[in-house]
N, C-alpha and C. Protein backbone atom coordinates (compact mmCIF):
# COMPACT_ATOMS: atom_id res chain seq x y z
N MET A 1 4.85 -6.77 -22.46
CA MET A 1 4.44 -5.94 -21.41
C MET A 1 3.71 -4.69 -21.93
N ALA A 2 2.53 -4.26 -21.44
CA ALA A 2 1.65 -3.09 -21.73
C ALA A 2 2.53 -2.27 -21.30
N SER A 3 2.36 -1.06 -21.97
CA SER A 3 3.10 0.27 -21.50
C SER A 3 2.28 0.59 -20.29
N LEU A 4 3.08 1.18 -19.46
CA LEU A 4 2.70 1.21 -18.01
C LEU A 4 2.49 3.25 -17.61
N ASN A 5 1.21 3.66 -17.38
CA ASN A 5 1.21 4.94 -17.18
C ASN A 5 1.51 5.13 -15.81
N LEU A 6 2.82 5.86 -15.50
CA LEU A 6 2.92 5.93 -14.26
C LEU A 6 2.06 6.82 -13.52
N GLU A 7 1.35 7.64 -13.94
CA GLU A 7 0.30 8.43 -13.02
C GLU A 7 -0.60 7.52 -12.42
N GLU A 8 -0.87 6.13 -13.00
CA GLU A 8 -1.86 5.19 -12.83
C GLU A 8 -1.35 4.15 -11.57
N LEU A 9 -0.17 4.51 -11.38
CA LEU A 9 0.06 3.57 -10.23
C LEU A 9 -0.39 3.72 -8.73
N LEU A 10 -0.71 2.58 -8.35
CA LEU A 10 -1.01 2.74 -6.66
C LEU A 10 -0.09 2.64 -5.87
N ASP A 11 -0.31 3.39 -4.64
CA ASP A 11 0.49 3.08 -3.62
C ASP A 11 -0.13 2.14 -2.58
N GLU A 12 0.60 1.86 -1.35
CA GLU A 12 0.15 0.69 -0.40
C GLU A 12 -1.26 1.31 0.33
N LYS A 13 -1.35 2.62 0.41
CA LYS A 13 -2.72 2.94 1.03
C LYS A 13 -3.50 2.72 0.09
N ASP A 14 -3.57 2.99 -1.28
CA ASP A 14 -4.76 2.87 -2.13
C ASP A 14 -4.90 1.22 -2.11
N ILE A 15 -4.07 0.37 -2.15
CA ILE A 15 -4.01 -1.11 -2.22
C ILE A 15 -4.79 -1.41 -0.82
N ALA A 16 -4.63 -0.88 0.28
CA ALA A 16 -5.48 -1.30 1.43
C ALA A 16 -6.77 -0.89 1.33
N ARG A 17 -6.85 0.29 0.89
CA ARG A 17 -8.35 0.85 0.96
C ARG A 17 -9.23 -0.04 -0.26
N LEU A 18 -8.46 -0.34 -1.41
CA LEU A 18 -9.35 -0.90 -2.28
C LEU A 18 -9.71 -2.65 -2.02
N THR A 19 -8.74 -2.97 -1.35
CA THR A 19 -9.07 -4.50 -0.73
C THR A 19 -9.51 -4.62 0.67
N LYS A 20 -9.84 -3.30 1.18
CA LYS A 20 -10.50 -3.55 2.51
C LYS A 20 -9.70 -4.05 3.67
N ARG A 21 -8.29 -3.80 3.43
CA ARG A 21 -7.64 -4.73 4.59
C ARG A 21 -6.55 -3.31 5.18
N SER A 22 -6.19 -3.75 6.46
CA SER A 22 -5.28 -2.59 6.90
C SER A 22 -4.26 -2.45 6.33
N LEU A 23 -3.45 -1.42 6.45
CA LEU A 23 -1.84 -0.94 5.78
C LEU A 23 -1.21 -1.60 6.39
N ALA A 24 -1.34 -2.17 7.55
CA ALA A 24 -0.11 -3.16 8.31
C ALA A 24 -0.42 -4.63 7.62
N SER A 25 -1.49 -5.03 7.16
CA SER A 25 -1.65 -6.24 6.26
C SER A 25 -1.14 -6.18 5.06
N VAL A 26 -1.13 -5.32 4.31
CA VAL A 26 -0.65 -5.03 3.10
C VAL A 26 0.90 -4.93 3.33
N ARG A 27 1.42 -4.35 4.06
CA ARG A 27 2.91 -4.29 4.41
C ARG A 27 3.36 -5.72 4.77
N ARG A 28 2.78 -6.34 5.70
CA ARG A 28 3.02 -7.47 6.04
C ARG A 28 3.20 -8.62 5.05
N ASP A 29 2.19 -8.40 4.16
CA ASP A 29 2.23 -9.46 2.93
C ASP A 29 3.30 -9.34 1.82
N ARG A 30 3.58 -7.78 1.86
CA ARG A 30 4.99 -7.54 1.08
C ARG A 30 6.18 -7.99 1.30
N LEU A 31 6.34 -7.75 2.66
CA LEU A 31 7.54 -8.25 3.43
C LEU A 31 7.75 -9.79 3.26
N LEU A 32 6.55 -10.41 3.31
CA LEU A 32 6.57 -11.79 3.31
C LEU A 32 6.71 -12.31 1.77
N GLY A 33 6.57 -11.37 1.07
CA GLY A 33 6.67 -11.95 -0.49
C GLY A 33 5.30 -12.59 -0.99
N ARG A 34 4.15 -12.18 -0.53
CA ARG A 34 2.87 -12.72 -0.96
C ARG A 34 2.16 -11.28 -1.03
N GLY A 35 0.71 -11.44 -1.82
CA GLY A 35 -0.06 -10.24 -2.07
C GLY A 35 0.41 -9.87 -3.51
N VAL A 36 -0.08 -8.46 -3.46
CA VAL A 36 0.12 -7.97 -4.91
C VAL A 36 1.50 -7.83 -5.42
N PRO A 37 1.80 -7.96 -6.69
CA PRO A 37 3.26 -7.90 -6.85
C PRO A 37 3.47 -6.34 -6.92
N VAL A 38 4.76 -5.81 -6.58
CA VAL A 38 5.29 -4.57 -6.58
C VAL A 38 6.06 -4.12 -7.52
N ILE A 39 6.16 -2.61 -7.65
CA ILE A 39 7.16 -1.96 -8.52
C ILE A 39 7.81 -1.10 -7.59
N ARG A 40 9.17 -1.43 -7.50
CA ARG A 40 10.03 -0.45 -6.55
C ARG A 40 10.59 0.40 -7.35
N ILE A 41 10.65 1.79 -7.02
CA ILE A 41 10.94 2.88 -7.79
C ILE A 41 11.90 3.55 -6.75
N GLY A 42 13.34 3.43 -6.60
CA GLY A 42 13.97 3.94 -5.32
C GLY A 42 13.59 3.18 -4.22
N GLY A 43 13.28 4.28 -3.28
CA GLY A 43 12.64 3.68 -1.72
C GLY A 43 11.18 3.44 -1.83
N SER A 44 10.39 3.78 -3.01
CA SER A 44 9.07 3.83 -2.96
C SER A 44 8.45 2.57 -3.36
N VAL A 45 7.41 2.04 -2.90
CA VAL A 45 6.63 0.82 -3.42
C VAL A 45 5.35 1.19 -4.18
N ARG A 46 4.98 0.78 -5.21
CA ARG A 46 3.81 1.10 -6.04
C ARG A 46 3.41 -0.28 -6.74
N TYR A 47 2.17 -0.23 -7.14
CA TYR A 47 1.60 -1.37 -7.45
C TYR A 47 0.71 -0.84 -8.86
N SER A 48 0.70 -1.86 -9.79
CA SER A 48 -0.07 -1.39 -11.07
C SER A 48 -1.49 -2.10 -11.10
N PRO A 49 -2.30 -1.08 -11.56
CA PRO A 49 -3.85 -1.57 -11.46
C PRO A 49 -4.02 -3.16 -11.80
N GLU A 50 -3.46 -3.23 -13.03
CA GLU A 50 -3.35 -4.38 -13.63
C GLU A 50 -2.99 -5.75 -12.73
N ALA A 51 -1.85 -5.36 -12.02
CA ALA A 51 -1.34 -6.42 -10.88
C ALA A 51 -2.14 -6.69 -9.91
N LEU A 52 -3.11 -5.56 -9.61
CA LEU A 52 -4.26 -5.82 -8.59
C LEU A 52 -5.23 -6.59 -9.02
N ARG A 53 -5.83 -6.38 -10.18
CA ARG A 53 -6.86 -6.97 -10.80
C ARG A 53 -6.51 -8.49 -10.86
N SER A 54 -5.19 -8.96 -11.45
CA SER A 54 -4.68 -10.35 -11.40
C SER A 54 -4.68 -10.98 -10.24
N TYR A 55 -4.36 -10.14 -9.22
CA TYR A 55 -3.95 -10.89 -7.90
C TYR A 55 -5.52 -10.99 -7.22
N LEU A 56 -6.39 -10.22 -7.56
CA LEU A 56 -7.72 -10.58 -7.03
C LEU A 56 -8.38 -11.45 -7.63
N LYS A 57 -8.06 -11.85 -8.80
CA LYS A 57 -8.82 -12.80 -9.96
C LYS A 57 -8.12 -14.05 -9.24
N SER A 58 -6.87 -14.02 -9.01
CA SER A 58 -6.30 -15.36 -8.10
C SER A 58 -6.56 -15.91 -6.82
N CYS A 59 -7.27 -14.71 -6.17
CA CYS A 59 -7.96 -14.85 -4.83
C CYS A 59 -9.37 -15.57 -5.07
N GLU A 60 -10.00 -15.53 -6.20
CA GLU A 60 -11.15 -16.07 -6.18
C GLU A 60 -11.45 -17.51 -5.76
N SER A 61 -12.48 -17.98 -5.11
CA SER A 61 -12.56 -19.08 -4.84
C SER A 61 -14.33 -19.47 -4.80
N GLY A 62 -14.66 -20.91 -4.75
CA GLY A 62 -15.91 -21.24 -4.52
C GLY A 62 -16.84 -20.91 -5.73
N GLY A 63 -18.24 -20.81 -5.51
CA GLY A 63 -19.13 -20.41 -6.53
C GLY A 63 -19.12 -21.34 -7.75
N HIS A 64 -19.70 -20.80 -8.78
CA HIS A 64 -19.72 -21.33 -9.80
C HIS A 64 -19.12 -20.87 -11.01
N GLY A 65 -18.50 -19.74 -10.87
CA GLY A 65 -17.58 -18.69 -11.75
C GLY A 65 -18.49 -18.11 -12.76
N GLY A 66 -19.79 -17.77 -12.32
CA GLY A 66 -20.65 -17.02 -13.26
C GLY A 66 -21.18 -17.76 -14.09
N GLU A 67 -21.21 -18.76 -14.10
CA GLU A 67 -21.89 -19.83 -15.09
C GLU A 67 -23.37 -20.37 -14.82
N ALA A 68 -23.95 -20.53 -15.65
CA ALA A 68 -25.21 -21.09 -15.18
C ALA A 68 -25.45 -22.55 -14.81
N TRP A 69 -26.07 -22.88 -13.81
CA TRP A 69 -26.05 -24.07 -13.16
C TRP A 69 -26.73 -25.01 -14.49
């Protein structure tokens, strides 16, 4: 695992803003065990930027993946 810079961690409001989803949707996904993987620090929930990138990559569908026809 790459070293993690704690100053780069995102909170749920960052995830909602970056994915253009409501805070309630981000929270619901977390409670249902889906969505971006979380890091729990005490009572706080944080997200690594790399986890967000991986999650978004896994959500891609359709198209031709940027390849030429």
